[in-house]
Amino acid sequence: MRNKSEQSGYTLLESIAFICIIIMVAISIISVVSHMLDRYRISRLTSQVTELQKSINNRFAAAENYNKLTSKLLKNENLAPGDMNWKGTSMYHKFNGQVTVGFNYTSNITGPSKSGESYFIQFAKLPRKACVELATQNWAHDQYSSLITMIVNSKWCYWRVYSNAGYKKYIMPLSNALATELCNQKDNNTIKWVFQ
């Protein structure tokens, strides 16, 4: 007759195997949820840029220029997207990097423009994956875009090819390979869009 202690329960090896399976399933679930959250945040970043652009364009449609454009104005007139985080009059995007808006852009290629003829939206502290997604977006709609240039980590990107060979590489919309090259920081990339 068998001893009762030999008949009941799992062996230590079976228990360890069961716990390992549970841990692997939990890690898989956490990974999927984390990936989905990142995808959501990245899609919200794209929407935030578009919503800011539309709000600024609508607000300044009848204005002579963008000289009065500030983050404080966007906050006071409730023009920023509802999911922007605020600390005082500073805006922050979904990855907690600062969002800056302003005027007085001067192109280093097309020559100086008058004060306030164009404005910028800048997202700082972007993770590499988010930076690549935003940099590869095609900001043109129906062959038109009010986007003049995009600056990714100090590299200027343009719509058309200029005679200077150094600028031919950075033509928008950027390829995934070029965007990956430009977004070379792990969690501290900056993109600045200049609109008119």
N, C-alpha and C. Protein backbone atom coordinates (compact mmCIF):
# COMPACT_ATOMS: atom_id res chain seq x y z
N MET A 1 0.83 -1.17 0.00
CA MET A 1 0.00 0.00 0.00
C MET A 1 0.89 1.25 0.00
N ARG A 2 0.49 2.27 -0.79
CA ARG A 2 1.28 3.49 -0.92
C ARG A 2 1.08 4.39 0.29
N ASN A 3 2.12 5.12 0.55
CA ASN A 3 2.06 6.10 1.62
C ASN A 3 1.18 7.26 1.16
N LYS A 4 0.36 7.75 2.04
CA LYS A 4 -0.58 8.82 1.70
C LYS A 4 0.15 10.08 1.21
N SER A 5 1.30 10.38 1.78
CA SER A 5 2.03 11.59 1.39
C SER A 5 2.56 11.50 -0.04
N GLU A 6 2.76 10.31 -0.57
CA GLU A 6 3.23 10.15 -1.94
C GLU A 6 2.11 10.33 -2.94
N GLN A 7 0.86 10.20 -2.52
CA GLN A 7 -0.26 10.23 -3.43
C GLN A 7 -0.85 11.63 -3.64
N SER A 8 -0.70 12.49 -2.71
CA SER A 8 -1.40 13.78 -2.79
C SER A 8 -0.51 14.91 -3.26
N GLY A 9 -1.15 15.91 -3.94
CA GLY A 9 -0.49 17.16 -4.31
C GLY A 9 0.45 17.04 -5.49
N TYR A 10 1.02 18.20 -5.86
CA TYR A 10 1.95 18.28 -6.97
C TYR A 10 3.36 18.12 -6.45
N THR A 11 4.21 17.68 -7.31
CA THR A 11 5.62 17.63 -6.93
C THR A 11 6.18 19.05 -7.02
N LEU A 12 7.31 19.24 -6.46
CA LEU A 12 7.95 20.55 -6.48
C LEU A 12 8.24 20.98 -7.93
N LEU A 13 8.66 20.06 -8.76
CA LEU A 13 8.96 20.36 -10.15
C LEU A 13 7.71 20.79 -10.91
N GLU A 14 6.59 20.13 -10.69
CA GLU A 14 5.34 20.50 -11.33
C GLU A 14 4.88 21.89 -10.88
N SER A 15 5.05 22.18 -9.62
CA SER A 15 4.67 23.50 -9.09
C SER A 15 5.51 24.61 -9.71
N ILE A 16 6.81 24.37 -9.83
CA ILE A 16 7.69 25.37 -10.43
C ILE A 16 7.33 25.58 -11.90
N ALA A 17 7.05 24.51 -12.63
CA ALA A 17 6.66 24.61 -14.04
C ALA A 17 5.36 25.41 -14.18
N PHE A 18 4.40 25.16 -13.31
CA PHE A 18 3.13 25.88 -13.34
C PHE A 18 3.34 27.37 -13.08
N ILE A 19 4.16 27.70 -12.11
CA ILE A 19 4.45 29.10 -11.78
C ILE A 19 5.16 29.78 -12.95
N CYS A 20 6.09 29.08 -13.60
CA CYS A 20 6.79 29.64 -14.76
C CYS A 20 5.83 29.95 -15.90
N ILE A 21 4.88 29.05 -16.14
CA ILE A 21 3.89 29.27 -17.20
C ILE A 21 3.05 30.50 -16.88
N ILE A 22 2.61 30.63 -15.64
CA ILE A 22 1.81 31.79 -15.22
C ILE A 22 2.62 33.07 -15.41
N ILE A 23 3.89 33.06 -15.04
CA ILE A 23 4.74 34.25 -15.18
C ILE A 23 4.91 34.62 -16.65
N MET A 24 5.12 33.62 -17.53
CA MET A 24 5.27 33.89 -18.96
C MET A 24 4.00 34.48 -19.55
N VAL A 25 2.85 33.97 -19.15
CA VAL A 25 1.58 34.52 -19.63
C VAL A 25 1.41 35.96 -19.15
N ALA A 26 1.74 36.22 -17.88
CA ALA A 26 1.62 37.57 -17.33
C ALA A 26 2.55 38.55 -18.06
N ILE A 27 3.77 38.13 -18.34
CA ILE A 27 4.72 38.99 -19.05
C ILE A 27 4.21 39.28 -20.46
N SER A 28 3.65 38.28 -21.12
CA SER A 28 3.10 38.49 -22.47
C SER A 28 1.95 39.49 -22.45
N ILE A 29 1.07 39.36 -21.47
CA ILE A 29 -0.06 40.29 -21.36
C ILE A 29 0.43 41.70 -21.09
N ILE A 30 1.39 41.85 -20.19
CA ILE A 30 1.94 43.17 -19.87
C ILE A 30 2.60 43.78 -21.11
N SER A 31 3.31 42.97 -21.87
CA SER A 31 3.97 43.45 -23.09
C SER A 31 2.95 43.94 -24.12
N VAL A 32 1.88 43.19 -24.31
CA VAL A 32 0.84 43.58 -25.27
C VAL A 32 0.16 44.87 -24.83
N VAL A 33 -0.17 44.97 -23.55
CA VAL A 33 -0.82 46.18 -23.02
C VAL A 33 0.11 47.39 -23.16
N SER A 34 1.39 47.20 -22.86
CA SER A 34 2.36 48.29 -22.97
C SER A 34 2.48 48.76 -24.42
N HIS A 35 2.53 47.81 -25.36
CA HIS A 35 2.61 48.16 -26.78
C HIS A 35 1.36 48.92 -27.22
N MET A 36 0.20 48.47 -26.78
CA MET A 36 -1.05 49.15 -27.14
C MET A 36 -1.09 50.56 -26.56
N LEU A 37 -0.60 50.73 -25.33
CA LEU A 37 -0.56 52.06 -24.71
C LEU A 37 0.37 52.99 -25.49
N ASP A 38 1.54 52.47 -25.89
CA ASP A 38 2.46 53.28 -26.70
C ASP A 38 1.83 53.67 -28.03
N ARG A 39 1.15 52.75 -28.69
CA ARG A 39 0.47 53.06 -29.95
C ARG A 39 -0.58 54.15 -29.75
N TYR A 40 -1.32 54.05 -28.65
CA TYR A 40 -2.34 55.06 -28.35
C TYR A 40 -1.68 56.43 -28.15
N ARG A 41 -0.61 56.46 -27.36
CA ARG A 41 0.06 57.74 -27.10
C ARG A 41 0.62 58.35 -28.38
N ILE A 42 1.20 57.52 -29.24
CA ILE A 42 1.75 58.03 -30.49
C ILE A 42 0.64 58.57 -31.39
N SER A 43 -0.48 57.87 -31.46
CA SER A 43 -1.59 58.38 -32.29
C SER A 43 -2.14 59.68 -31.71
N ARG A 44 -2.14 59.81 -30.38
CA ARG A 44 -2.58 61.06 -29.76
C ARG A 44 -1.59 62.19 -30.05
N LEU A 45 -0.30 61.89 -30.12
CA LEU A 45 0.68 62.93 -30.46
C LEU A 45 0.38 63.51 -31.84
N THR A 46 0.13 62.64 -32.81
CA THR A 46 -0.21 63.09 -34.16
C THR A 46 -1.46 63.95 -34.13
N SER A 47 -2.46 63.50 -33.39
CA SER A 47 -3.71 64.26 -33.28
C SER A 47 -3.48 65.60 -32.59
N GLN A 48 -2.63 65.61 -31.57
CA GLN A 48 -2.37 66.86 -30.86
C GLN A 48 -1.72 67.90 -31.78
N VAL A 49 -0.78 67.47 -32.61
CA VAL A 49 -0.15 68.40 -33.56
C VAL A 49 -1.21 68.96 -34.50
N THR A 50 -2.04 68.08 -35.06
CA THR A 50 -3.08 68.50 -36.00
C THR A 50 -4.10 69.41 -35.33
N GLU A 51 -4.52 69.07 -34.12
CA GLU A 51 -5.49 69.90 -33.40
C GLU A 51 -4.92 71.27 -33.06
N LEU A 52 -3.65 71.30 -32.64
CA LEU A 52 -3.01 72.60 -32.36
C LEU A 52 -2.94 73.44 -33.64
N GLN A 53 -2.55 72.81 -34.74
CA GLN A 53 -2.46 73.53 -36.01
C GLN A 53 -3.81 74.12 -36.40
N LYS A 54 -4.86 73.33 -36.31
CA LYS A 54 -6.20 73.83 -36.67
C LYS A 54 -6.64 74.96 -35.75
N SER A 55 -6.41 74.80 -34.45
CA SER A 55 -6.80 75.84 -33.49
C SER A 55 -6.07 77.14 -33.76
N ILE A 56 -4.78 77.04 -34.00
CA ILE A 56 -3.98 78.25 -34.27
C ILE A 56 -4.43 78.90 -35.58
N ASN A 57 -4.62 78.09 -36.61
CA ASN A 57 -5.07 78.65 -37.90
C ASN A 57 -6.42 79.34 -37.76
N ASN A 58 -7.36 78.71 -37.05
CA ASN A 58 -8.68 79.32 -36.85
C ASN A 58 -8.59 80.59 -36.02
N ARG A 59 -7.80 80.56 -34.96
CA ARG A 59 -7.69 81.71 -34.05
C ARG A 59 -7.07 82.92 -34.76
N PHE A 60 -6.09 82.67 -35.62
CA PHE A 60 -5.36 83.77 -36.27
C PHE A 60 -5.79 83.98 -37.72
N ALA A 61 -6.92 83.43 -38.13
CA ALA A 61 -7.37 83.54 -39.53
C ALA A 61 -7.53 85.00 -39.96
N ALA A 62 -8.05 85.83 -39.09
CA ALA A 62 -8.27 87.23 -39.44
C ALA A 62 -7.15 88.15 -38.94
N ALA A 63 -6.18 87.58 -38.26
CA ALA A 63 -5.09 88.40 -37.72
C ALA A 63 -4.06 88.68 -38.81
N GLU A 64 -3.34 89.76 -38.62
CA GLU A 64 -2.31 90.15 -39.58
C GLU A 64 -1.12 89.20 -39.54
N ASN A 65 -0.82 88.69 -38.34
CA ASN A 65 0.32 87.78 -38.18
C ASN A 65 0.13 86.94 -36.92
N TYR A 66 1.13 86.15 -36.60
CA TYR A 66 1.07 85.25 -35.43
C TYR A 66 1.86 85.80 -34.24
N ASN A 67 2.13 87.09 -34.22
CA ASN A 67 2.98 87.67 -33.18
C ASN A 67 2.47 87.46 -31.76
N LYS A 68 1.18 87.29 -31.58
CA LYS A 68 0.64 87.12 -30.22
C LYS A 68 0.51 85.66 -29.80
N LEU A 69 1.00 84.74 -30.61
CA LEU A 69 0.87 83.31 -30.32
C LEU A 69 1.80 82.89 -29.19
N THR A 70 1.22 82.39 -28.11
CA THR A 70 1.97 81.83 -26.98
C THR A 70 1.17 80.66 -26.40
N SER A 71 1.84 79.86 -25.60
CA SER A 71 1.15 78.78 -24.89
C SER A 71 0.11 79.35 -23.94
N LYS A 72 0.44 80.48 -23.32
CA LYS A 72 -0.49 81.11 -22.39
C LYS A 72 -1.79 81.50 -23.10
N LEU A 73 -1.69 82.03 -24.31
CA LEU A 73 -2.87 82.39 -25.09
C LEU A 73 -3.72 81.14 -25.37
N LEU A 74 -3.06 80.05 -25.76
CA LEU A 74 -3.80 78.81 -26.04
C LEU A 74 -4.53 78.31 -24.80
N LYS A 75 -3.88 78.45 -23.65
CA LYS A 75 -4.52 78.01 -22.40
C LYS A 75 -5.68 78.93 -22.03
N ASN A 76 -5.44 80.24 -22.08
CA ASN A 76 -6.48 81.20 -21.68
C ASN A 76 -7.71 81.14 -22.57
N GLU A 77 -7.52 80.86 -23.85
CA GLU A 77 -8.64 80.80 -24.78
C GLU A 77 -9.12 79.37 -25.02
N ASN A 78 -8.59 78.44 -24.24
CA ASN A 78 -9.00 77.03 -24.30
C ASN A 78 -8.90 76.47 -25.72
N LEU A 79 -7.78 76.73 -26.38
CA LEU A 79 -7.57 76.31 -27.76
C LEU A 79 -6.75 75.03 -27.89
N ALA A 80 -6.08 74.63 -26.83
CA ALA A 80 -5.23 73.44 -26.88
C ALA A 80 -6.09 72.18 -26.77
N PRO A 81 -5.61 71.06 -27.29
CA PRO A 81 -6.36 69.80 -27.14
C PRO A 81 -6.64 69.51 -25.67
N GLY A 82 -7.78 68.91 -25.41
CA GLY A 82 -8.20 68.66 -24.03
C GLY A 82 -7.30 67.73 -23.24
N ASP A 83 -6.55 66.87 -23.92
CA ASP A 83 -5.70 65.94 -23.19
C ASP A 83 -4.26 66.42 -23.02
N MET A 84 -4.00 67.69 -23.32
CA MET A 84 -2.69 68.26 -23.03
C MET A 84 -2.57 68.44 -21.52
N ASN A 85 -1.40 68.13 -20.99
CA ASN A 85 -1.15 68.36 -19.57
C ASN A 85 -0.58 69.77 -19.41
N TRP A 86 -0.97 70.43 -18.34
CA TRP A 86 -0.53 71.80 -18.10
C TRP A 86 0.18 71.89 -16.76
N LYS A 87 1.28 72.65 -16.73
CA LYS A 87 1.95 73.05 -15.49
C LYS A 87 2.13 74.55 -15.62
N GLY A 88 1.27 75.29 -14.97
CA GLY A 88 1.24 76.74 -15.17
C GLY A 88 0.76 77.03 -16.57
N THR A 89 1.58 77.75 -17.33
CA THR A 89 1.22 78.04 -18.72
C THR A 89 2.04 77.21 -19.70
N SER A 90 2.67 76.15 -19.22
CA SER A 90 3.45 75.26 -20.08
C SER A 90 2.64 74.02 -20.42
N MET A 91 2.65 73.64 -21.71
CA MET A 91 1.93 72.45 -22.18
C MET A 91 2.89 71.27 -22.24
N TYR A 92 2.32 70.08 -21.98
CA TYR A 92 3.10 68.84 -22.06
C TYR A 92 2.30 67.79 -22.83
N HIS A 93 2.99 67.04 -23.70
CA HIS A 93 2.32 66.01 -24.51
C HIS A 93 2.22 64.69 -23.74
N LYS A 94 1.74 63.66 -24.41
CA LYS A 94 1.45 62.36 -23.79
C LYS A 94 2.67 61.67 -23.19
N PHE A 95 3.86 61.98 -23.66
CA PHE A 95 5.07 61.39 -23.11
C PHE A 95 5.76 62.36 -22.14
N ASN A 96 5.03 63.38 -21.69
CA ASN A 96 5.46 64.36 -20.69
C ASN A 96 6.62 65.25 -21.14
N GLY A 97 6.77 65.43 -22.44
CA GLY A 97 7.73 66.41 -22.94
C GLY A 97 7.02 67.73 -23.17
N GLN A 98 7.76 68.82 -23.09
CA GLN A 98 7.14 70.13 -23.23
C GLN A 98 6.76 70.41 -24.68
N VAL A 99 5.60 71.04 -24.84
CA VAL A 99 5.11 71.49 -26.15
C VAL A 99 5.22 73.00 -26.17
N THR A 100 5.91 73.52 -27.17
CA THR A 100 6.12 74.96 -27.28
C THR A 100 5.51 75.45 -28.58
N VAL A 101 4.87 76.60 -28.54
CA VAL A 101 4.36 77.24 -29.75
C VAL A 101 4.89 78.67 -29.77
N GLY A 102 5.02 79.22 -30.96
CA GLY A 102 5.52 80.58 -31.04
C GLY A 102 5.49 81.10 -32.47
N PHE A 103 6.10 82.26 -32.68
CA PHE A 103 6.11 82.93 -33.98
C PHE A 103 7.52 83.34 -34.31
N ASN A 104 7.66 84.19 -35.35
CA ASN A 104 8.92 84.82 -35.74
C ASN A 104 9.93 83.83 -36.27
N TYR A 105 9.52 83.11 -37.28
CA TYR A 105 10.37 82.13 -37.94
C TYR A 105 11.16 82.78 -39.06
N THR A 106 12.41 82.43 -39.19
CA THR A 106 13.23 82.88 -40.31
C THR A 106 13.86 81.65 -40.94
N SER A 107 13.65 81.46 -42.21
CA SER A 107 14.18 80.29 -42.91
C SER A 107 15.65 80.49 -43.21
N ASN A 108 16.43 79.45 -43.04
CA ASN A 108 17.85 79.55 -43.40
C ASN A 108 18.09 79.22 -44.86
N ILE A 109 17.01 78.98 -45.62
CA ILE A 109 17.16 78.67 -47.05
C ILE A 109 16.41 79.69 -47.90
N THR A 110 15.16 79.90 -47.56
CA THR A 110 14.34 80.76 -48.41
C THR A 110 14.53 82.23 -48.10
N GLY A 111 15.34 82.55 -47.13
CA GLY A 111 15.58 83.94 -46.78
C GLY A 111 14.69 84.36 -45.62
N PRO A 112 14.96 85.52 -45.07
CA PRO A 112 14.19 85.96 -43.91
C PRO A 112 12.74 86.26 -44.26
N SER A 113 11.86 85.93 -43.36
CA SER A 113 10.46 86.29 -43.53
C SER A 113 10.14 87.39 -42.54
N LYS A 114 9.02 88.04 -42.73
CA LYS A 114 8.63 89.09 -41.81
C LYS A 114 8.23 88.47 -40.48
N SER A 115 8.37 89.25 -39.44
CA SER A 115 8.05 88.77 -38.10
C SER A 115 6.61 88.29 -38.02
N GLY A 116 6.43 87.07 -37.57
CA GLY A 116 5.10 86.54 -37.32
C GLY A 116 4.35 86.02 -38.53
N GLU A 117 4.98 85.95 -39.70
CA GLU A 117 4.29 85.41 -40.87
C GLU A 117 4.08 83.91 -40.77
N SER A 118 4.83 83.28 -39.92
CA SER A 118 4.69 81.84 -39.72
C SER A 118 4.80 81.54 -38.23
N TYR A 119 4.46 80.31 -37.87
CA TYR A 119 4.52 79.91 -36.47
C TYR A 119 5.06 78.49 -36.37
N PHE A 120 5.45 78.10 -35.16
CA PHE A 120 5.97 76.75 -34.97
C PHE A 120 5.25 76.05 -33.83
N ILE A 121 5.27 74.73 -33.92
CA ILE A 121 4.82 73.84 -32.84
C ILE A 121 5.99 72.90 -32.60
N GLN A 122 6.46 72.84 -31.37
CA GLN A 122 7.62 72.00 -31.06
C GLN A 122 7.28 71.01 -29.95
N PHE A 123 7.59 69.73 -30.18
CA PHE A 123 7.41 68.68 -29.18
C PHE A 123 8.80 68.21 -28.76
N ALA A 124 9.10 68.32 -27.47
CA ALA A 124 10.40 67.90 -26.94
C ALA A 124 10.26 66.58 -26.19
N LYS A 125 11.39 65.98 -25.92
CA LYS A 125 11.49 64.72 -25.15
C LYS A 125 10.59 63.62 -25.71
N LEU A 126 10.71 63.39 -27.00
CA LEU A 126 9.96 62.31 -27.66
C LEU A 126 10.79 61.03 -27.64
N PRO A 127 10.17 59.90 -27.32
CA PRO A 127 10.88 58.63 -27.47
C PRO A 127 11.18 58.37 -28.95
N ARG A 128 12.19 57.58 -29.22
CA ARG A 128 12.61 57.32 -30.60
C ARG A 128 11.46 56.82 -31.47
N LYS A 129 10.69 55.88 -30.98
CA LYS A 129 9.60 55.31 -31.78
C LYS A 129 8.56 56.38 -32.15
N ALA A 130 8.21 57.22 -31.19
CA ALA A 130 7.25 58.30 -31.45
C ALA A 130 7.84 59.32 -32.43
N CYS A 131 9.11 59.63 -32.27
CA CYS A 131 9.78 60.58 -33.16
C CYS A 131 9.75 60.07 -34.61
N VAL A 132 10.07 58.80 -34.80
CA VAL A 132 10.07 58.22 -36.15
C VAL A 132 8.67 58.28 -36.76
N GLU A 133 7.65 57.93 -35.97
CA GLU A 133 6.26 57.97 -36.47
C GLU A 133 5.88 59.37 -36.92
N LEU A 134 6.18 60.37 -36.07
CA LEU A 134 5.81 61.75 -36.39
C LEU A 134 6.62 62.28 -37.58
N ALA A 135 7.88 61.91 -37.66
CA ALA A 135 8.74 62.40 -38.74
C ALA A 135 8.36 61.82 -40.10
N THR A 136 7.79 60.62 -40.12
CA THR A 136 7.42 59.99 -41.39
C THR A 136 6.01 60.33 -41.84
N GLN A 137 5.27 61.08 -41.04
CA GLN A 137 3.91 61.48 -41.44
C GLN A 137 3.97 62.34 -42.70
N ASN A 138 3.01 62.15 -43.56
CA ASN A 138 2.88 63.02 -44.73
C ASN A 138 1.89 64.12 -44.34
N TRP A 139 2.40 65.32 -44.10
CA TRP A 139 1.58 66.42 -43.61
C TRP A 139 0.86 67.15 -44.73
N ALA A 140 0.99 66.68 -45.97
CA ALA A 140 0.30 67.30 -47.10
C ALA A 140 -1.07 66.67 -47.28
N HIS A 141 -2.05 67.51 -47.60
CA HIS A 141 -3.40 67.05 -47.88
C HIS A 141 -3.82 67.64 -49.22
N ASP A 142 -4.24 66.78 -50.15
CA ASP A 142 -4.64 67.23 -51.48
C ASP A 142 -3.54 68.06 -52.14
N GLN A 143 -2.33 67.58 -52.08
CA GLN A 143 -1.16 68.23 -52.68
C GLN A 143 -0.86 69.60 -52.07
N TYR A 144 -1.40 69.89 -50.91
CA TYR A 144 -1.16 71.18 -50.27
C TYR A 144 -0.81 70.95 -48.81
N SER A 145 0.06 71.77 -48.30
CA SER A 145 0.35 71.75 -46.87
C SER A 145 0.79 73.14 -46.45
N SER A 146 0.35 73.55 -45.29
CA SER A 146 0.82 74.82 -44.75
C SER A 146 2.13 74.62 -43.98
N LEU A 147 2.61 73.38 -43.95
CA LEU A 147 3.90 73.08 -43.31
C LEU A 147 5.02 73.56 -44.23
N ILE A 148 5.87 74.44 -43.69
CA ILE A 148 7.00 74.96 -44.46
C ILE A 148 8.19 74.03 -44.32
N THR A 149 8.50 73.70 -43.09
CA THR A 149 9.66 72.85 -42.81
C THR A 149 9.43 72.09 -41.52
N MET A 150 10.18 71.04 -41.35
CA MET A 150 10.15 70.26 -40.12
C MET A 150 11.61 70.10 -39.68
N ILE A 151 11.86 70.35 -38.41
CA ILE A 151 13.22 70.26 -37.89
C ILE A 151 13.25 69.11 -36.89
N VAL A 152 14.02 68.07 -37.22
CA VAL A 152 14.12 66.89 -36.36
C VAL A 152 15.52 66.88 -35.76
N ASN A 153 15.60 67.09 -34.45
CA ASN A 153 16.90 67.12 -33.76
C ASN A 153 17.92 67.97 -34.52
N SER A 154 17.56 69.19 -34.83
CA SER A 154 18.41 70.19 -35.49
C SER A 154 18.65 69.96 -36.98
N LYS A 155 18.04 68.94 -37.57
CA LYS A 155 18.16 68.71 -39.02
C LYS A 155 16.91 69.25 -39.71
N TRP A 156 17.11 70.15 -40.67
CA TRP A 156 16.00 70.80 -41.37
C TRP A 156 15.54 69.93 -42.53
N CYS A 157 14.24 69.71 -42.62
CA CYS A 157 13.64 68.90 -43.69
C CYS A 157 12.66 69.78 -44.47
N TYR A 158 12.68 69.63 -45.81
CA TYR A 158 11.91 70.52 -46.68
C TYR A 158 11.03 69.73 -47.64
N TRP A 159 10.11 70.44 -48.28
CA TRP A 159 9.25 69.83 -49.29
C TRP A 159 9.94 69.69 -50.63
N ARG A 160 10.70 70.65 -51.02
CA ARG A 160 11.26 70.61 -52.37
C ARG A 160 12.78 70.52 -52.31
N VAL A 161 13.34 70.13 -53.43
CA VAL A 161 14.79 69.96 -53.51
C VAL A 161 15.42 71.30 -53.87
N TYR A 162 16.39 71.71 -53.07
CA TYR A 162 17.12 72.94 -53.35
C TYR A 162 18.39 72.60 -54.11
N SER A 163 19.00 73.59 -54.72
CA SER A 163 20.19 73.35 -55.52
C SER A 163 21.36 72.85 -54.68
N ASN A 164 21.39 73.21 -53.42
CA ASN A 164 22.46 72.77 -52.54
C ASN A 164 22.33 71.27 -52.28
N ALA A 165 23.34 70.51 -52.63
CA ALA A 165 23.28 69.04 -52.51
C ALA A 165 23.07 68.59 -51.06
N GLY A 166 23.49 69.38 -50.11
CA GLY A 166 23.34 69.00 -48.70
C GLY A 166 21.90 68.91 -48.25
N TYR A 167 20.99 69.59 -48.96
CA TYR A 167 19.58 69.59 -48.57
C TYR A 167 18.76 68.50 -49.26
N LYS A 168 19.31 67.89 -50.29
CA LYS A 168 18.54 66.91 -51.07
C LYS A 168 18.18 65.67 -50.26
N LYS A 169 18.93 65.39 -49.24
CA LYS A 169 18.69 64.20 -48.42
C LYS A 169 17.44 64.35 -47.56
N TYR A 170 17.15 65.56 -47.14
CA TYR A 170 16.10 65.80 -46.15
C TYR A 170 14.82 66.33 -46.79
N ILE A 171 14.23 65.56 -47.66
CA ILE A 171 13.01 65.95 -48.35
C ILE A 171 11.82 65.24 -47.71
N MET A 172 10.77 66.00 -47.41
CA MET A 172 9.57 65.43 -46.80
C MET A 172 8.65 64.86 -47.87
N PRO A 173 7.85 63.87 -47.56
CA PRO A 173 7.84 63.11 -46.31
C PRO A 173 9.08 62.23 -46.21
N LEU A 174 9.59 62.10 -45.00
CA LEU A 174 10.83 61.35 -44.78
C LEU A 174 10.58 59.85 -44.87
N SER A 175 11.59 59.15 -45.34
CA SER A 175 11.52 57.68 -45.34
C SER A 175 11.72 57.19 -43.91
N ASN A 176 11.32 55.97 -43.66
CA ASN A 176 11.47 55.39 -42.33
C ASN A 176 12.96 55.30 -41.95
N ALA A 177 13.81 54.95 -42.91
CA ALA A 177 15.25 54.84 -42.64
C ALA A 177 15.85 56.19 -42.26
N LEU A 178 15.48 57.24 -43.00
CA LEU A 178 16.00 58.57 -42.70
C LEU A 178 15.46 59.09 -41.37
N ALA A 179 14.19 58.86 -41.10
CA ALA A 179 13.61 59.28 -39.82
C ALA A 179 14.28 58.57 -38.65
N THR A 180 14.59 57.29 -38.83
CA THR A 180 15.29 56.54 -37.78
C THR A 180 16.68 57.11 -37.56
N GLU A 181 17.35 57.52 -38.64
CA GLU A 181 18.67 58.14 -38.52
C GLU A 181 18.59 59.48 -37.79
N LEU A 182 17.57 60.28 -38.09
CA LEU A 182 17.43 61.60 -37.47
C LEU A 182 16.98 61.51 -36.02
N CYS A 183 16.12 60.57 -35.72
CA CYS A 183 15.62 60.39 -34.34
C CYS A 183 16.60 59.50 -33.59
N ASN A 184 17.78 60.02 -33.33
CA ASN A 184 18.86 59.20 -32.82
C ASN A 184 19.00 59.18 -31.30
N GLN A 185 18.11 59.83 -30.59
CA GLN A 185 18.13 59.81 -29.13
C GLN A 185 17.12 58.79 -28.62
N LYS A 186 17.40 58.15 -27.50
CA LYS A 186 16.47 57.14 -26.99
C LYS A 186 15.16 57.77 -26.55
N ASP A 187 15.22 58.75 -25.66
CA ASP A 187 13.99 59.36 -25.13
C ASP A 187 14.04 60.88 -25.13
N ASN A 188 14.91 61.48 -25.93
CA ASN A 188 15.07 62.93 -25.87
C ASN A 188 15.14 63.55 -27.26
N ASN A 189 14.22 63.15 -28.14
CA ASN A 189 14.17 63.71 -29.49
C ASN A 189 13.24 64.92 -29.52
N THR A 190 13.53 65.85 -30.41
CA THR A 190 12.71 67.05 -30.55
C THR A 190 12.32 67.22 -32.02
N ILE A 191 11.03 67.49 -32.24
CA ILE A 191 10.55 67.82 -33.58
C ILE A 191 9.87 69.18 -33.52
N LYS A 192 10.22 70.00 -34.49
CA LYS A 192 9.63 71.34 -34.60
C LYS A 192 9.01 71.46 -35.99
N TRP A 193 7.72 71.75 -36.04
CA TRP A 193 7.01 71.95 -37.30
C TRP A 193 6.82 73.45 -37.48
N VAL A 194 7.11 73.97 -38.66
CA VAL A 194 6.92 75.38 -38.94
C VAL A 194 5.83 75.50 -40.00
N PHE A 195 4.74 76.18 -39.64
CA PHE A 195 3.58 76.35 -40.52
C PHE A 195 3.44 77.82 -40.90
N GLN A 196 2.68 78.07 -41.98
CA GLN A 196 2.35 79.45 -42.33
C GLN A 196 0.88 79.57 -42.62
